[in-house]
Amino acid sequence: MIRIPVYLFVAQWALLAALGVLVVIVYRQLGRLLAGRGEATDLGPAVGSAAAALTYLRPGEQKERRLVPGDGQPLLVAFADPTCPSCEELVGTLGAMAAAGETAGLRTLVLISDPPSYLQISDVFSATELEIGRPARRDGLDPYRVSATPLLVAIDAAGVVRAAGSVISAAEVRAFARSCMLPAPAAALATIPASRSQDATSRGENAT
């Protein structure tokens, strides 16, 4: 009977785990490339539409949090994953802007689809002071059409989507931040559902 040394058995599984992570990274990058070539045409919500509410969990928490855009505070939502190098660049840029005070008065939320344990894979994600969460329900992201990451969505104080797309450069991110801090057009304000004010009250109760 042939005996396989324990260290070879452990090395085999470690190699398989590393291969799995590599496959995920390649998949994320492929999604970004397709988006850049215009093949992922369903990326992000329509500009000018009312942003949908988001329900998410912070790492290590069991209580769901509900974020309802349109409570008077501009919002940047970044859909990004620690296994995606381009996402790391986006999160790094957002973190640097926050540290420099460039996004004062603007709320930034990073939503990941990877398991929370994957945050430790990335030095950028594990060290950031930005708010990070994971969607409580996958179908809750349908209105945001997250077909690839990274995806950045800029939402103004009235809850209207002002910009959405796969951006990573500092110049692009700053342009998105400026867009959601501009006064909302009167026409856009008129399209906000009346129930939004009730949802905003719910958000105030859930946020801590």
N, C-alpha and C. Protein backbone atom coordinates (compact mmCIF):
# COMPACT_ATOMS: atom_id res chain seq x y z
N MET A 1 0.85 -1.20 0.00
CA MET A 1 0.00 0.00 0.00
C MET A 1 0.88 1.25 0.00
N ILE A 2 0.57 2.17 -0.89
CA ILE A 2 1.36 3.39 -1.01
C ILE A 2 0.86 4.42 0.00
N ARG A 3 1.76 4.96 0.77
CA ARG A 3 1.43 5.99 1.76
C ARG A 3 1.85 7.37 1.22
N ILE A 4 0.92 8.29 1.25
CA ILE A 4 1.20 9.64 0.79
C ILE A 4 1.58 10.50 2.00
N PRO A 5 2.77 11.11 1.96
CA PRO A 5 3.19 11.96 3.08
C PRO A 5 2.16 13.04 3.37
N VAL A 6 2.00 13.35 4.64
CA VAL A 6 1.00 14.34 5.05
C VAL A 6 1.27 15.71 4.42
N TYR A 7 2.56 16.08 4.32
CA TYR A 7 2.86 17.40 3.79
C TYR A 7 2.46 17.53 2.31
N LEU A 8 2.53 16.38 1.58
CA LEU A 8 2.09 16.43 0.18
C LEU A 8 0.58 16.59 0.09
N PHE A 9 -0.12 15.96 1.01
CA PHE A 9 -1.59 16.07 1.04
C PHE A 9 -2.00 17.51 1.34
N VAL A 10 -1.33 18.13 2.33
CA VAL A 10 -1.64 19.51 2.69
C VAL A 10 -1.29 20.46 1.55
N ALA A 11 -0.14 20.21 0.92
CA ALA A 11 0.28 21.07 -0.19
C ALA A 11 -0.69 21.00 -1.35
N GLN A 12 -1.25 19.80 -1.57
CA GLN A 12 -2.21 19.62 -2.65
C GLN A 12 -3.45 20.48 -2.43
N TRP A 13 -3.97 20.47 -1.22
CA TRP A 13 -5.17 21.25 -0.94
C TRP A 13 -4.88 22.75 -0.94
N ALA A 14 -3.69 23.12 -0.48
CA ALA A 14 -3.31 24.53 -0.51
C ALA A 14 -3.23 25.03 -1.95
N LEU A 15 -2.69 24.18 -2.82
CA LEU A 15 -2.60 24.54 -4.24
C LEU A 15 -3.98 24.68 -4.86
N LEU A 16 -4.88 23.79 -4.50
CA LEU A 16 -6.25 23.87 -5.03
C LEU A 16 -6.94 25.14 -4.56
N ALA A 17 -6.73 25.52 -3.29
CA ALA A 17 -7.34 26.73 -2.76
C ALA A 17 -6.79 27.96 -3.48
N ALA A 18 -5.47 27.98 -3.71
CA ALA A 18 -4.86 29.10 -4.43
C ALA A 18 -5.39 29.19 -5.85
N LEU A 19 -5.58 28.03 -6.49
CA LEU A 19 -6.12 28.00 -7.84
C LEU A 19 -7.54 28.55 -7.87
N GLY A 20 -8.33 28.21 -6.84
CA GLY A 20 -9.69 28.72 -6.77
C GLY A 20 -9.74 30.23 -6.68
N VAL A 21 -8.86 30.81 -5.85
CA VAL A 21 -8.79 32.27 -5.71
C VAL A 21 -8.38 32.90 -7.05
N LEU A 22 -7.43 32.28 -7.73
CA LEU A 22 -6.97 32.79 -9.02
C LEU A 22 -8.09 32.80 -10.05
N VAL A 23 -8.91 31.75 -10.05
CA VAL A 23 -10.04 31.68 -10.98
C VAL A 23 -11.01 32.82 -10.72
N VAL A 24 -11.28 33.11 -9.44
CA VAL A 24 -12.19 34.20 -9.09
C VAL A 24 -11.64 35.54 -9.57
N ILE A 25 -10.33 35.75 -9.37
CA ILE A 25 -9.71 37.00 -9.80
C ILE A 25 -9.81 37.17 -11.31
N VAL A 26 -9.53 36.10 -12.06
CA VAL A 26 -9.60 36.16 -13.51
C VAL A 26 -11.03 36.44 -13.97
N TYR A 27 -12.01 35.84 -13.28
CA TYR A 27 -13.41 36.05 -13.62
C TYR A 27 -13.80 37.52 -13.44
N ARG A 28 -13.35 38.10 -12.32
CA ARG A 28 -13.67 39.51 -12.05
C ARG A 28 -13.05 40.42 -13.11
N GLN A 29 -11.80 40.14 -13.43
CA GLN A 29 -11.13 40.96 -14.41
C GLN A 29 -11.77 40.84 -15.80
N LEU A 30 -12.20 39.64 -16.14
CA LEU A 30 -12.87 39.43 -17.42
C LEU A 30 -14.15 40.25 -17.48
N GLY A 31 -14.89 40.27 -16.37
CA GLY A 31 -16.11 41.07 -16.32
C GLY A 31 -15.82 42.54 -16.55
N ARG A 32 -14.74 43.02 -15.96
CA ARG A 32 -14.38 44.44 -16.15
C ARG A 32 -13.99 44.72 -17.59
N LEU A 33 -13.23 43.81 -18.21
CA LEU A 33 -12.82 44.01 -19.58
C LEU A 33 -14.01 44.05 -20.52
N LEU A 34 -14.96 43.15 -20.29
CA LEU A 34 -16.16 43.14 -21.12
C LEU A 34 -16.95 44.43 -20.95
N ALA A 35 -17.00 44.93 -19.72
CA ALA A 35 -17.71 46.19 -19.48
C ALA A 35 -17.03 47.33 -20.20
N GLY A 36 -15.69 47.33 -20.19
CA GLY A 36 -14.94 48.40 -20.87
C GLY A 36 -15.13 48.36 -22.36
N ARG A 37 -15.39 47.18 -22.92
CA ARG A 37 -15.59 47.07 -24.37
C ARG A 37 -17.03 47.32 -24.78
N GLY A 38 -17.88 47.60 -23.78
CA GLY A 38 -19.27 47.92 -24.08
C GLY A 38 -20.14 46.69 -24.25
N GLU A 39 -19.60 45.49 -23.90
CA GLU A 39 -20.40 44.28 -24.06
C GLU A 39 -21.33 44.07 -22.86
N ALA A 40 -20.96 44.61 -21.72
CA ALA A 40 -21.82 44.50 -20.54
C ALA A 40 -22.68 45.76 -20.48
N THR A 41 -23.68 45.83 -21.33
CA THR A 41 -24.46 47.05 -21.49
C THR A 41 -25.44 47.28 -20.35
N ASP A 42 -25.64 46.29 -19.50
CA ASP A 42 -26.61 46.44 -18.42
C ASP A 42 -25.93 46.80 -17.11
N LEU A 43 -24.75 47.42 -17.17
CA LEU A 43 -24.00 47.74 -15.96
C LEU A 43 -24.49 49.04 -15.36
N GLY A 44 -25.01 48.96 -14.14
CA GLY A 44 -25.42 50.15 -13.40
C GLY A 44 -26.84 50.60 -13.67
N PRO A 45 -27.44 51.32 -12.72
CA PRO A 45 -28.79 51.85 -12.90
C PRO A 45 -28.80 53.02 -13.87
N ALA A 46 -29.95 53.32 -14.41
CA ALA A 46 -30.08 54.41 -15.37
C ALA A 46 -29.89 55.76 -14.69
N VAL A 47 -29.11 56.62 -15.33
CA VAL A 47 -28.91 57.96 -14.80
C VAL A 47 -30.24 58.72 -14.85
N GLY A 48 -30.57 59.38 -13.76
CA GLY A 48 -31.83 60.09 -13.67
C GLY A 48 -32.94 59.31 -12.99
N SER A 49 -32.69 58.02 -12.74
CA SER A 49 -33.69 57.19 -12.07
C SER A 49 -33.57 57.33 -10.55
N ALA A 50 -34.63 56.94 -9.85
CA ALA A 50 -34.61 56.95 -8.39
C ALA A 50 -33.83 55.74 -7.89
N ALA A 51 -32.84 55.95 -7.05
CA ALA A 51 -32.01 54.87 -6.54
C ALA A 51 -32.80 53.99 -5.57
N ALA A 52 -32.65 52.69 -5.71
CA ALA A 52 -33.37 51.75 -4.86
C ALA A 52 -32.71 51.62 -3.49
N ALA A 53 -33.49 51.20 -2.51
CA ALA A 53 -32.97 50.97 -1.17
C ALA A 53 -32.03 49.77 -1.17
N LEU A 54 -31.09 49.76 -0.23
CA LEU A 54 -30.11 48.68 -0.12
C LEU A 54 -30.16 48.10 1.29
N THR A 55 -30.23 46.79 1.36
CA THR A 55 -30.19 46.10 2.65
C THR A 55 -28.91 45.29 2.70
N TYR A 56 -28.13 45.46 3.75
CA TYR A 56 -26.83 44.82 3.80
C TYR A 56 -26.43 44.49 5.24
N LEU A 57 -25.38 43.68 5.34
CA LEU A 57 -24.83 43.30 6.63
C LEU A 57 -23.37 43.73 6.69
N ARG A 58 -22.97 44.31 7.78
CA ARG A 58 -21.57 44.61 7.98
C ARG A 58 -20.85 43.33 8.41
N PRO A 59 -19.57 43.19 8.07
CA PRO A 59 -18.82 41.99 8.48
C PRO A 59 -18.88 41.79 10.00
N GLY A 60 -19.22 40.59 10.40
CA GLY A 60 -19.28 40.27 11.82
C GLY A 60 -20.59 40.62 12.49
N GLU A 61 -21.53 41.21 11.75
CA GLU A 61 -22.82 41.59 12.32
C GLU A 61 -23.93 40.69 11.79
N GLN A 62 -24.96 40.49 12.59
CA GLN A 62 -26.11 39.69 12.19
C GLN A 62 -27.32 40.56 11.87
N LYS A 63 -27.31 41.80 12.37
CA LYS A 63 -28.44 42.70 12.15
C LYS A 63 -28.34 43.36 10.78
N GLU A 64 -29.41 43.27 10.01
CA GLU A 64 -29.45 43.89 8.70
C GLU A 64 -29.56 45.40 8.82
N ARG A 65 -28.89 46.09 7.93
CA ARG A 65 -28.97 47.55 7.84
C ARG A 65 -29.67 47.92 6.54
N ARG A 66 -30.46 48.96 6.60
CA ARG A 66 -31.20 49.39 5.41
C ARG A 66 -30.81 50.83 5.08
N LEU A 67 -30.35 51.03 3.88
CA LEU A 67 -29.96 52.35 3.40
C LEU A 67 -30.94 52.79 2.32
N VAL A 68 -31.59 53.90 2.57
CA VAL A 68 -32.55 54.43 1.61
C VAL A 68 -32.04 55.77 1.09
N PRO A 69 -31.57 55.82 -0.14
CA PRO A 69 -31.10 57.09 -0.71
C PRO A 69 -32.22 58.12 -0.74
N GLY A 70 -31.84 59.38 -0.59
CA GLY A 70 -32.83 60.44 -0.67
C GLY A 70 -33.17 61.06 0.66
N ASP A 71 -32.29 60.88 1.66
CA ASP A 71 -32.56 61.44 2.98
C ASP A 71 -31.85 62.78 3.17
N GLY A 72 -31.37 63.37 2.07
CA GLY A 72 -30.70 64.66 2.16
C GLY A 72 -29.19 64.58 2.14
N GLN A 73 -28.64 63.37 2.11
CA GLN A 73 -27.18 63.21 2.08
C GLN A 73 -26.75 62.54 0.78
N PRO A 74 -25.83 63.15 0.03
CA PRO A 74 -25.32 62.52 -1.19
C PRO A 74 -24.64 61.20 -0.84
N LEU A 75 -24.59 60.32 -1.83
CA LEU A 75 -24.12 58.95 -1.55
C LEU A 75 -23.31 58.40 -2.72
N LEU A 76 -22.20 57.76 -2.40
CA LEU A 76 -21.44 56.99 -3.37
C LEU A 76 -21.52 55.53 -2.95
N VAL A 77 -21.99 54.68 -3.84
CA VAL A 77 -22.03 53.24 -3.57
C VAL A 77 -21.06 52.56 -4.52
N ALA A 78 -20.07 51.88 -3.96
CA ALA A 78 -19.08 51.17 -4.76
C ALA A 78 -19.31 49.67 -4.62
N PHE A 79 -19.58 49.02 -5.72
CA PHE A 79 -19.70 47.57 -5.74
C PHE A 79 -18.32 47.05 -6.13
N ALA A 80 -17.64 46.43 -5.19
CA ALA A 80 -16.26 46.03 -5.40
C ALA A 80 -15.95 44.79 -4.58
N ASP A 81 -14.93 44.04 -5.01
CA ASP A 81 -14.57 42.81 -4.32
C ASP A 81 -13.06 42.75 -4.07
N PRO A 82 -12.66 42.19 -2.94
CA PRO A 82 -11.23 42.12 -2.60
C PRO A 82 -10.42 41.23 -3.53
N THR A 83 -11.08 40.38 -4.31
CA THR A 83 -10.36 39.52 -5.26
C THR A 83 -10.18 40.18 -6.62
N CYS A 84 -10.57 41.45 -6.72
CA CYS A 84 -10.52 42.18 -7.99
C CYS A 84 -9.50 43.32 -7.87
N PRO A 85 -8.38 43.23 -8.58
CA PRO A 85 -7.36 44.29 -8.51
C PRO A 85 -7.89 45.68 -8.85
N SER A 86 -8.75 45.79 -9.85
CA SER A 86 -9.31 47.08 -10.20
C SER A 86 -10.19 47.63 -9.08
N CYS A 87 -10.85 46.72 -8.37
CA CYS A 87 -11.68 47.13 -7.23
C CYS A 87 -10.80 47.68 -6.12
N GLU A 88 -9.63 47.06 -5.93
CA GLU A 88 -8.69 47.56 -4.92
C GLU A 88 -8.28 48.99 -5.23
N GLU A 89 -8.06 49.27 -6.50
CA GLU A 89 -7.68 50.62 -6.90
C GLU A 89 -8.79 51.61 -6.61
N LEU A 90 -10.03 51.21 -6.90
CA LEU A 90 -11.18 52.08 -6.64
C LEU A 90 -11.32 52.36 -5.15
N VAL A 91 -11.29 51.31 -4.34
CA VAL A 91 -11.44 51.47 -2.89
C VAL A 91 -10.29 52.28 -2.31
N GLY A 92 -9.08 52.07 -2.84
CA GLY A 92 -7.95 52.86 -2.38
C GLY A 92 -8.13 54.34 -2.68
N THR A 93 -8.65 54.65 -3.86
CA THR A 93 -8.90 56.04 -4.23
C THR A 93 -9.98 56.66 -3.35
N LEU A 94 -11.06 55.94 -3.11
CA LEU A 94 -12.13 56.44 -2.25
C LEU A 94 -11.63 56.67 -0.84
N GLY A 95 -10.80 55.75 -0.35
CA GLY A 95 -10.26 55.90 1.00
C GLY A 95 -9.34 57.11 1.11
N ALA A 96 -8.51 57.33 0.09
CA ALA A 96 -7.61 58.48 0.10
C ALA A 96 -8.39 59.80 0.04
N MET A 97 -9.47 59.81 -0.74
CA MET A 97 -10.29 61.01 -0.83
C MET A 97 -10.96 61.31 0.50
N ALA A 98 -11.44 60.27 1.17
CA ALA A 98 -12.08 60.45 2.48
C ALA A 98 -11.07 60.97 3.50
N ALA A 99 -9.88 60.41 3.49
CA ALA A 99 -8.84 60.83 4.44
C ALA A 99 -8.44 62.28 4.22
N ALA A 100 -8.49 62.73 2.97
CA ALA A 100 -8.11 64.11 2.64
C ALA A 100 -9.27 65.09 2.81
N GLY A 101 -10.44 64.58 3.20
CA GLY A 101 -11.59 65.45 3.41
C GLY A 101 -12.31 65.84 2.13
N GLU A 102 -11.99 65.16 1.03
CA GLU A 102 -12.60 65.52 -0.26
C GLU A 102 -14.06 65.07 -0.35
N THR A 103 -14.45 64.14 0.48
CA THR A 103 -15.82 63.64 0.42
C THR A 103 -16.61 64.01 1.68
N ALA A 104 -16.20 65.09 2.32
CA ALA A 104 -16.92 65.54 3.52
C ALA A 104 -18.38 65.83 3.16
N GLY A 105 -19.29 65.34 3.99
CA GLY A 105 -20.71 65.51 3.73
C GLY A 105 -21.28 64.49 2.78
N LEU A 106 -20.43 63.59 2.30
CA LEU A 106 -20.84 62.57 1.34
C LEU A 106 -20.66 61.19 1.97
N ARG A 107 -21.68 60.39 1.96
CA ARG A 107 -21.57 59.04 2.51
C ARG A 107 -21.05 58.08 1.46
N THR A 108 -20.11 57.22 1.85
CA THR A 108 -19.56 56.23 0.93
C THR A 108 -19.78 54.84 1.50
N LEU A 109 -20.34 53.97 0.68
CA LEU A 109 -20.60 52.59 1.08
C LEU A 109 -19.99 51.64 0.06
N VAL A 110 -19.21 50.68 0.53
CA VAL A 110 -18.61 49.66 -0.34
C VAL A 110 -19.35 48.35 -0.11
N LEU A 111 -19.93 47.79 -1.16
CA LEU A 111 -20.66 46.53 -1.05
C LEU A 111 -19.89 45.44 -1.79
N ILE A 112 -19.65 44.33 -1.09
CA ILE A 112 -18.90 43.22 -1.67
C ILE A 112 -19.82 42.03 -1.89
N SER A 113 -19.48 41.20 -2.87
CA SER A 113 -20.23 39.96 -3.09
C SER A 113 -19.42 38.76 -2.59
N ASP A 114 -18.10 38.95 -2.44
CA ASP A 114 -17.25 37.88 -1.90
C ASP A 114 -17.58 37.65 -0.42
N PRO A 115 -17.29 36.46 0.11
CA PRO A 115 -17.46 36.23 1.55
C PRO A 115 -16.62 37.22 2.36
N PRO A 116 -17.10 37.67 3.52
CA PRO A 116 -16.36 38.64 4.34
C PRO A 116 -14.93 38.19 4.68
N SER A 117 -14.72 36.88 4.76
CA SER A 117 -13.38 36.38 5.09
C SER A 117 -12.37 36.76 4.01
N TYR A 118 -12.85 37.03 2.80
CA TYR A 118 -11.95 37.39 1.71
C TYR A 118 -11.36 38.78 1.88
N LEU A 119 -11.91 39.58 2.80
CA LEU A 119 -11.39 40.91 3.02
C LEU A 119 -9.92 40.87 3.43
N GLN A 120 -9.53 39.79 4.11
CA GLN A 120 -8.15 39.67 4.57
C GLN A 120 -7.18 39.37 3.43
N ILE A 121 -7.71 38.99 2.28
CA ILE A 121 -6.85 38.71 1.13
C ILE A 121 -6.22 39.99 0.61
N SER A 122 -6.96 41.08 0.74
CA SER A 122 -6.53 42.37 0.19
C SER A 122 -6.07 43.31 1.29
N ASP A 123 -4.87 43.85 1.17
CA ASP A 123 -4.38 44.83 2.13
C ASP A 123 -5.22 46.10 2.09
N VAL A 124 -5.70 46.45 0.89
CA VAL A 124 -6.51 47.67 0.75
C VAL A 124 -7.84 47.52 1.47
N PHE A 125 -8.53 46.42 1.23
CA PHE A 125 -9.85 46.20 1.85
C PHE A 125 -9.74 46.00 3.36
N SER A 126 -8.73 45.28 3.80
CA SER A 126 -8.60 44.99 5.23
C SER A 126 -8.20 46.23 6.03
N ALA A 127 -7.57 47.23 5.37
CA ALA A 127 -7.10 48.41 6.08
C ALA A 127 -8.02 49.62 5.93
N THR A 128 -8.95 49.58 4.97
CA THR A 128 -9.77 50.76 4.72
C THR A 128 -10.68 51.09 5.90
N GLU A 129 -10.94 52.37 6.07
CA GLU A 129 -11.88 52.82 7.10
C GLU A 129 -13.25 53.14 6.51
N LEU A 130 -13.42 52.87 5.23
CA LEU A 130 -14.72 53.05 4.60
C LEU A 130 -15.71 52.02 5.12
N GLU A 131 -16.99 52.36 5.08
CA GLU A 131 -18.02 51.41 5.49
C GLU A 131 -18.13 50.30 4.45
N ILE A 132 -18.04 49.06 4.93
CA ILE A 132 -18.12 47.89 4.03
C ILE A 132 -19.30 47.01 4.46
N GLY A 133 -20.02 46.51 3.49
CA GLY A 133 -21.13 45.61 3.78
C GLY A 133 -21.28 44.57 2.68
N ARG A 134 -22.12 43.60 2.96
CA ARG A 134 -22.43 42.56 1.98
C ARG A 134 -23.95 42.50 1.84
N PRO A 135 -24.47 42.56 0.62
CA PRO A 135 -25.93 42.55 0.44
C PRO A 135 -26.59 41.40 1.19
N ALA A 136 -27.67 41.72 1.89
CA ALA A 136 -28.38 40.69 2.65
C ALA A 136 -29.10 39.72 1.71
N ARG A 137 -29.51 40.22 0.55
CA ARG A 137 -30.19 39.39 -0.43
C ARG A 137 -29.67 39.76 -1.82
N ARG A 138 -29.30 38.75 -2.57
CA ARG A 138 -28.74 39.00 -3.89
C ARG A 138 -29.71 39.72 -4.80
N ASP A 139 -31.01 39.37 -4.73
CA ASP A 139 -31.97 40.01 -5.62
C ASP A 139 -32.17 41.49 -5.28
N GLY A 140 -31.68 41.89 -4.11
CA GLY A 140 -31.79 43.29 -3.73
C GLY A 140 -30.93 44.19 -4.58
N LEU A 141 -29.98 43.59 -5.32
CA LEU A 141 -29.10 44.37 -6.18
C LEU A 141 -29.62 44.48 -7.61
N ASP A 142 -30.72 43.82 -7.91
CA ASP A 142 -31.25 43.82 -9.27
C ASP A 142 -31.44 45.23 -9.84
N PRO A 143 -31.99 46.18 -9.05
CA PRO A 143 -32.17 47.53 -9.61
C PRO A 143 -30.85 48.22 -9.97
N TYR A 144 -29.74 47.74 -9.37
CA TYR A 144 -28.45 48.36 -9.64
C TYR A 144 -27.69 47.69 -10.79
N ARG A 145 -28.20 46.57 -11.26
CA ARG A 145 -27.63 45.88 -12.43
C ARG A 145 -26.10 45.72 -12.30
N VAL A 146 -25.71 45.01 -11.26
CA VAL A 146 -24.28 44.80 -11.00
C VAL A 146 -23.84 43.54 -11.77
N SER A 147 -23.53 43.71 -13.03
CA SER A 147 -23.11 42.58 -13.85
C SER A 147 -21.60 42.38 -13.82
N ALA A 148 -20.88 43.35 -13.29
CA ALA A 148 -19.42 43.24 -13.18
C ALA A 148 -18.95 44.24 -12.13
N THR A 149 -17.78 43.97 -11.57
CA THR A 149 -17.18 44.91 -10.63
C THR A 149 -15.81 45.31 -11.15
N PRO A 150 -15.36 46.54 -10.85
CA PRO A 150 -16.01 47.50 -9.96
C PRO A 150 -17.12 48.29 -10.65
N LEU A 151 -18.09 48.70 -9.85
CA LEU A 151 -19.17 49.57 -10.32
C LEU A 151 -19.35 50.66 -9.29
N LEU A 152 -19.32 51.90 -9.73
CA LEU A 152 -19.52 53.04 -8.83
C LEU A 152 -20.80 53.76 -9.22
N VAL A 153 -21.64 54.04 -8.23
CA VAL A 153 -22.91 54.73 -8.46
C VAL A 153 -22.94 55.99 -7.60
N ALA A 154 -23.18 57.12 -8.23
CA ALA A 154 -23.28 58.40 -7.53
C ALA A 154 -24.75 58.79 -7.42
N ILE A 155 -25.19 59.04 -6.20
CA ILE A 155 -26.60 59.34 -5.93
C ILE A 155 -26.68 60.67 -5.18
N ASP A 156 -27.52 61.58 -5.67
CA ASP A 156 -27.58 62.90 -5.03
C ASP A 156 -28.46 62.87 -3.78
N ALA A 157 -28.58 64.04 -3.14
CA ALA A 157 -29.28 64.12 -1.86
C ALA A 157 -30.76 63.79 -1.97
N ALA A 158 -31.31 63.89 -3.17
CA ALA A 158 -32.72 63.58 -3.38
C ALA A 158 -32.94 62.11 -3.74
N GLY A 159 -31.85 61.34 -3.84
CA GLY A 159 -31.99 59.92 -4.17
C GLY A 159 -32.00 59.64 -5.65
N VAL A 160 -31.53 60.59 -6.46
CA VAL A 160 -31.51 60.42 -7.91
C VAL A 160 -30.11 59.99 -8.35
N VAL A 161 -30.05 58.99 -9.21
CA VAL A 161 -28.77 58.52 -9.75
C VAL A 161 -28.21 59.58 -10.69
N ARG A 162 -27.02 60.10 -10.37
CA ARG A 162 -26.41 61.13 -11.20
C ARG A 162 -25.31 60.58 -12.10
N ALA A 163 -24.73 59.44 -11.74
CA ALA A 163 -23.69 58.82 -12.58
C ALA A 163 -23.55 57.37 -12.15
N ALA A 164 -23.19 56.50 -13.10
CA ALA A 164 -22.98 55.08 -12.80
C ALA A 164 -22.07 54.49 -13.86
N GLY A 165 -21.10 53.71 -13.44
CA GLY A 165 -20.21 53.08 -14.40
C GLY A 165 -19.01 52.43 -13.75
N SER A 166 -18.23 51.76 -14.56
CA SER A 166 -17.03 51.08 -14.08
C SER A 166 -15.86 52.05 -14.17
N VAL A 167 -15.58 52.72 -13.05
CA VAL A 167 -14.50 53.72 -13.02
C VAL A 167 -13.50 53.34 -11.94
N ILE A 168 -12.24 53.69 -12.16
CA ILE A 168 -11.21 53.40 -11.16
C ILE A 168 -10.22 54.55 -10.99
N SER A 169 -10.05 55.38 -12.02
CA SER A 169 -9.06 56.45 -11.92
C SER A 169 -9.51 57.51 -10.93
N ALA A 170 -8.54 58.21 -10.33
CA ALA A 170 -8.86 59.24 -9.35
C ALA A 170 -9.69 60.35 -9.97
N ALA A 171 -9.37 60.72 -11.21
CA ALA A 171 -10.11 61.79 -11.88
C ALA A 171 -11.58 61.40 -12.08
N GLU A 172 -11.81 60.16 -12.49
CA GLU A 172 -13.18 59.70 -12.72
C GLU A 172 -13.95 59.64 -11.41
N VAL A 173 -13.32 59.13 -10.37
CA VAL A 173 -13.99 59.01 -9.07
C VAL A 173 -14.35 60.39 -8.53
N ARG A 174 -13.44 61.35 -8.68
CA ARG A 174 -13.73 62.71 -8.21
C ARG A 174 -14.88 63.33 -9.00
N ALA A 175 -14.94 63.04 -10.28
CA ALA A 175 -16.04 63.56 -11.11
C ALA A 175 -17.37 62.98 -10.63
N PHE A 176 -17.37 61.70 -10.27
CA PHE A 176 -18.58 61.07 -9.76
C PHE A 176 -18.99 61.73 -8.44
N ALA A 177 -18.01 61.97 -7.57
CA ALA A 177 -18.31 62.58 -6.27
C ALA A 177 -18.91 63.97 -6.46
N ARG A 178 -18.36 64.74 -7.39
CA ARG A 178 -18.90 66.09 -7.64
C ARG A 178 -20.32 66.03 -8.20
N SER A 179 -20.57 65.03 -9.04
CA SER A 179 -21.89 64.96 -9.69
C SER A 179 -23.01 64.75 -8.69
N CYS A 180 -22.76 63.97 -7.65
CA CYS A 180 -23.85 63.69 -6.71
C CYS A 180 -23.99 64.78 -5.64
N MET A 181 -23.07 65.74 -5.62
CA MET A 181 -23.17 66.83 -4.66
C MET A 181 -23.78 68.08 -5.28
N LEU A 182 -24.11 68.01 -6.58
CA LEU A 182 -24.78 69.12 -7.24
C LEU A 182 -26.25 69.16 -6.84
N PRO A 183 -26.88 70.34 -6.86
CA PRO A 183 -28.31 70.42 -6.54
C PRO A 183 -29.13 69.55 -7.48
N ALA A 184 -30.09 68.82 -6.95
CA ALA A 184 -30.93 67.96 -7.78
C ALA A 184 -31.89 68.80 -8.61
N PRO A 185 -32.06 68.47 -9.90
CA PRO A 185 -33.01 69.19 -10.75
C PRO A 185 -34.43 69.05 -10.21
N ALA A 186 -35.23 70.08 -10.39
CA ALA A 186 -36.61 70.05 -9.89
C ALA A 186 -37.38 68.90 -10.51
N ALA A 187 -37.11 68.62 -11.80
CA ALA A 187 -37.82 67.53 -12.48
C ALA A 187 -37.50 66.19 -11.83
N ALA A 188 -36.24 66.03 -11.43
CA ALA A 188 -35.85 64.78 -10.80
C ALA A 188 -36.51 64.64 -9.44
N LEU A 189 -36.60 65.76 -8.70
CA LEU A 189 -37.24 65.71 -7.39
C LEU A 189 -38.70 65.28 -7.50
N ALA A 190 -39.35 65.68 -8.59
CA ALA A 190 -40.76 65.36 -8.77
C ALA A 190 -40.98 63.87 -9.03
N THR A 191 -39.92 63.15 -9.42
CA THR A 191 -40.08 61.74 -9.73
C THR A 191 -39.87 60.84 -8.51
N ILE A 192 -39.44 61.41 -7.39
CA ILE A 192 -39.19 60.61 -6.20
C ILE A 192 -40.51 60.15 -5.60
N PRO A 193 -40.70 58.85 -5.35
CA PRO A 193 -41.95 58.34 -4.79
C PRO A 193 -42.26 58.98 -3.45
N ALA A 194 -43.55 59.17 -3.18
CA ALA A 194 -43.95 59.76 -1.91
C ALA A 194 -43.56 58.90 -0.73
N SER A 195 -43.46 57.58 -0.94
CA SER A 195 -43.13 56.66 0.14
C SER A 195 -41.68 56.78 0.57
N ARG A 196 -40.86 57.52 -0.18
CA ARG A 196 -39.44 57.61 0.14
C ARG A 196 -39.22 58.24 1.50
N SER A 197 -40.06 59.23 1.85
CA SER A 197 -39.88 59.88 3.14
C SER A 197 -40.09 58.89 4.28
N GLN A 198 -41.02 57.94 4.09
CA GLN A 198 -41.26 56.92 5.10
C GLN A 198 -40.07 55.97 5.18
N ASP A 199 -39.50 55.61 4.01
CA ASP A 199 -38.33 54.74 4.00
C ASP A 199 -37.15 55.42 4.67
N ALA A 200 -37.02 56.73 4.47
CA ALA A 200 -35.91 57.45 5.07
C ALA A 200 -36.02 57.43 6.59
N THR A 201 -37.25 57.49 7.10
CA THR A 201 -37.44 57.38 8.53
C THR A 201 -36.99 56.02 9.03
N SER A 202 -37.32 54.98 8.25
CA SER A 202 -36.89 53.63 8.60
C SER A 202 -35.39 53.52 8.62
N ARG A 203 -34.73 54.19 7.67
CA ARG A 203 -33.27 54.17 7.62
C ARG A 203 -32.68 54.79 8.86
N GLY A 204 -33.28 55.90 9.33
CA GLY A 204 -32.78 56.56 10.52
C GLY A 204 -32.86 55.67 11.74
N GLU A 205 -33.88 54.78 11.78
CA GLU A 205 -34.04 53.89 12.91
C GLU A 205 -33.03 52.76 12.87
N ASN A 206 -32.61 52.33 11.63
CA ASN A 206 -31.73 51.18 11.50
C ASN A 206 -30.27 51.57 11.56
N ALA A 207 -29.93 52.78 11.15
CA ALA A 207 -28.52 53.19 11.12
C ALA A 207 -28.03 53.51 12.52
N THR A 208 -26.76 53.18 12.79
CA THR A 208 -26.18 53.49 14.09
C THR A 208 -24.84 54.15 13.87
